[in-house]
């Protein structure tokens, strides 16, 4: 008879991390959804508008998603008049992403909502514990290169 190995789903790191991520994602989607964007669109808007990440490849690395996923997002966002693509070189080989006026408006409207969500969850911990958990999450993810594939 094989030995019984204790198992409890609710004590597993993967379960706890994915449950928290799901809770935060659902709440964020509901908050910014009122402005017509998803959290992945938020990542693009904030990357371009707040952190100066302007090429599709750099956005894919910045967010941690596959380049084709970024391309689909950019097409959708361009159709919604949130971003525009501009040639970065005269021969058109490089493209840069810029926010439209509407994109900047949405970015500025959603930023306080994103900050509010971050503050809500962050205040559940004392500052030292929050800093520790953020470092530990970085440690767990260090060296992992697989992109996020779901939106």
Protein backbone atom coordinates (compact mmCIF):
# COMPACT_ATOMS: atom_id res chain seq x y z
CA UNK A 1 0.00 0.00 0.00
CA UNK A 2 1.37 3.42 -0.99
CA UNK A 3 1.91 5.86 1.85
CA UNK A 4 -0.72 8.55 2.23
CA UNK A 5 0.76 11.95 1.49
CA UNK A 6 -0.91 14.82 3.28
CA UNK A 7 -2.35 17.33 0.85
CA UNK A 8 -4.36 20.45 1.47
CA UNK A 9 -5.12 22.66 -1.50
CA UNK A 10 -5.73 25.69 0.69
CA UNK A 11 -2.24 25.47 2.20
CA UNK A 12 -0.44 25.44 -1.17
CA UNK A 13 1.60 28.43 -2.30
CA UNK A 14 0.27 28.27 -5.87
CA UNK A 15 -3.32 28.23 -4.69
CA UNK A 16 -2.82 31.16 -2.32
CA UNK A 17 -0.97 33.28 -4.88
CA UNK A 18 -3.43 32.54 -7.70
CA UNK A 19 -6.44 33.15 -5.43
CA UNK A 20 -5.11 36.54 -4.34
CA UNK A 21 -4.21 37.42 -7.94
CA UNK A 22 -7.71 36.45 -9.05
CA UNK A 23 -9.31 38.58 -6.34
CA UNK A 24 -7.18 41.58 -7.21
CA UNK A 25 -7.65 41.13 -10.97
CA UNK A 26 -11.42 40.82 -10.70
CA UNK A 27 -11.67 43.91 -8.52
CA UNK A 28 -9.38 45.91 -10.80
CA UNK A 29 -11.25 44.82 -13.93
CA UNK A 30 -14.51 45.96 -12.36
CA UNK A 31 -13.05 49.31 -11.32
CA UNK A 32 -11.35 50.24 -14.60
CA UNK A 33 -13.92 48.47 -16.75
CA UNK A 34 -16.16 51.48 -16.24
CA UNK A 35 -13.61 53.38 -18.34
CA UNK A 36 -13.73 50.79 -21.12
CA UNK A 37 -10.41 49.08 -20.50
CA UNK A 38 -9.10 45.79 -19.14
CA UNK A 39 -6.18 45.35 -16.76
CA UNK A 40 -3.93 44.36 -19.67
CA UNK A 41 -4.91 47.57 -21.43
CA UNK A 42 -4.07 49.37 -18.20
CA UNK A 43 -0.63 47.78 -18.29
CA UNK A 44 -0.10 49.13 -21.81
CA UNK A 45 -1.42 52.60 -20.91
CA UNK A 46 0.70 52.83 -17.77
CA UNK A 47 3.77 51.41 -19.50
CA UNK A 48 3.58 54.00 -22.26
CA UNK A 49 2.18 56.95 -20.32
CA UNK A 50 3.85 56.56 -16.94
CA UNK A 51 7.03 54.63 -17.54
CA UNK A 52 8.03 55.53 -21.10
CA UNK A 53 7.90 52.02 -22.56
CA UNK A 54 7.06 52.72 -26.20
CA UNK A 55 7.85 49.77 -28.46
CA UNK A 56 5.70 46.64 -28.79
CA UNK A 57 8.61 44.35 -27.92
CA UNK A 58 9.53 46.41 -24.88
CA UNK A 59 5.88 46.43 -23.77
CA UNK A 60 5.77 42.63 -24.03
CA UNK A 61 8.86 42.36 -21.79
CA UNK A 62 7.60 45.06 -19.43
CA UNK A 63 4.26 43.32 -18.86
CA UNK A 64 5.60 39.78 -19.12
CA UNK A 65 3.32 38.62 -21.93
CA UNK A 66 3.93 37.24 -25.40
CA UNK A 67 4.55 39.63 -28.28
CA UNK A 68 1.51 38.40 -30.28
CA UNK A 69 -0.69 39.16 -27.25
CA UNK A 70 0.68 42.71 -27.17
CA UNK A 71 -0.02 43.06 -30.90
CA UNK A 72 -3.66 42.05 -30.40
CA UNK A 73 -4.00 44.45 -27.47
CA UNK A 74 -2.48 47.30 -29.45
CA UNK A 75 -4.83 46.67 -32.40
CA UNK A 76 -7.82 46.70 -30.07
CA UNK A 77 -6.62 49.81 -28.25
CA UNK A 78 -5.92 51.59 -31.52
CA UNK A 79 -9.47 50.79 -32.59
CA UNK A 80 -10.71 52.34 -29.35
CA UNK A 81 -8.59 55.45 -30.00
CA UNK A 82 -6.48 54.91 -26.86
CA UNK A 83 -3.11 54.62 -28.59
CA UNK A 84 -1.59 55.25 -31.97
CA UNK A 85 1.42 53.74 -33.66
CA UNK A 86 3.97 56.05 -35.20
CA UNK A 87 7.01 55.25 -37.31
CA UNK A 88 10.12 55.74 -35.20
CA UNK A 89 12.44 55.60 -38.22
CA UNK A 90 12.08 57.08 -41.69
CA UNK A 91 11.98 53.63 -43.33
CA UNK A 92 9.10 52.51 -41.09
CA UNK A 93 10.96 49.53 -39.61
CA UNK A 94 10.43 50.61 -36.00
CA UNK A 95 7.12 51.54 -34.47
CA UNK A 96 6.55 53.50 -31.30
CA UNK A 97 3.36 53.58 -29.30
CA UNK A 98 1.92 56.90 -28.21
CA UNK A 99 -1.16 57.68 -26.17
CA UNK A 100 -3.96 59.60 -27.81
CA UNK A 101 -5.78 62.36 -25.95
CA UNK A 102 -8.44 59.80 -25.05
CA UNK A 103 -5.74 57.38 -23.87
CA UNK A 104 -4.23 60.03 -21.61
CA UNK A 105 -7.69 60.85 -20.24
CA UNK A 106 -8.36 57.18 -19.45
CA UNK A 107 -4.89 56.78 -17.93
CA UNK A 108 -5.43 59.74 -15.60
CA UNK A 109 -8.95 58.58 -14.69
CA UNK A 110 -7.82 55.03 -13.88
CA UNK A 111 -4.58 55.80 -12.04
CA UNK A 112 -6.35 56.71 -8.77
CA UNK A 113 -8.42 53.51 -9.00
CA UNK A 114 -5.33 51.36 -9.46
CA UNK A 115 -3.64 53.17 -6.56
CA UNK A 116 -6.76 52.69 -4.43
CA UNK A 117 -6.72 48.94 -5.03
CA UNK A 118 -3.01 48.71 -4.29
CA UNK A 119 -3.47 50.72 -1.09
CA UNK A 120 -6.46 48.62 -0.01
CA UNK A 121 -4.49 45.38 -0.15
CA UNK A 122 -1.21 46.95 0.98
CA UNK A 123 -2.77 48.35 4.16
CA UNK A 124 -3.69 44.85 5.28
CA UNK A 125 0.00 44.46 6.11
CA UNK A 126 2.35 46.62 8.09
CA UNK A 127 4.91 48.41 5.87
CA UNK A 128 7.75 46.07 6.83
CA UNK A 129 5.71 42.95 6.06
CA UNK A 130 4.56 44.45 2.76
CA UNK A 131 8.16 45.16 1.76
CA UNK A 132 9.13 41.62 2.78
CA UNK A 133 6.35 39.95 0.83
CA UNK A 134 7.14 42.00 -2.28
CA UNK A 135 10.80 40.94 -2.04
CA UNK A 136 9.81 37.32 -1.49
CA UNK A 137 7.51 37.37 -4.53
CA UNK A 138 10.38 38.78 -6.60
CA UNK A 139 12.61 35.99 -5.29
CA UNK A 140 10.06 33.33 -6.23
CA UNK A 141 9.69 34.76 -9.75
CA UNK A 142 13.43 35.34 -10.25
CA UNK A 143 14.77 33.42 -13.21
CA UNK A 144 11.34 32.44 -14.50
CA UNK A 145 10.90 33.66 -18.06
CA UNK A 146 7.60 32.22 -19.18
CA UNK A 147 5.21 34.94 -20.30
CA UNK A 148 1.71 35.30 -18.98
CA UNK A 149 -0.56 33.94 -21.69
CA UNK A 150 -4.01 34.82 -20.50
CA UNK A 151 -5.62 38.23 -20.61
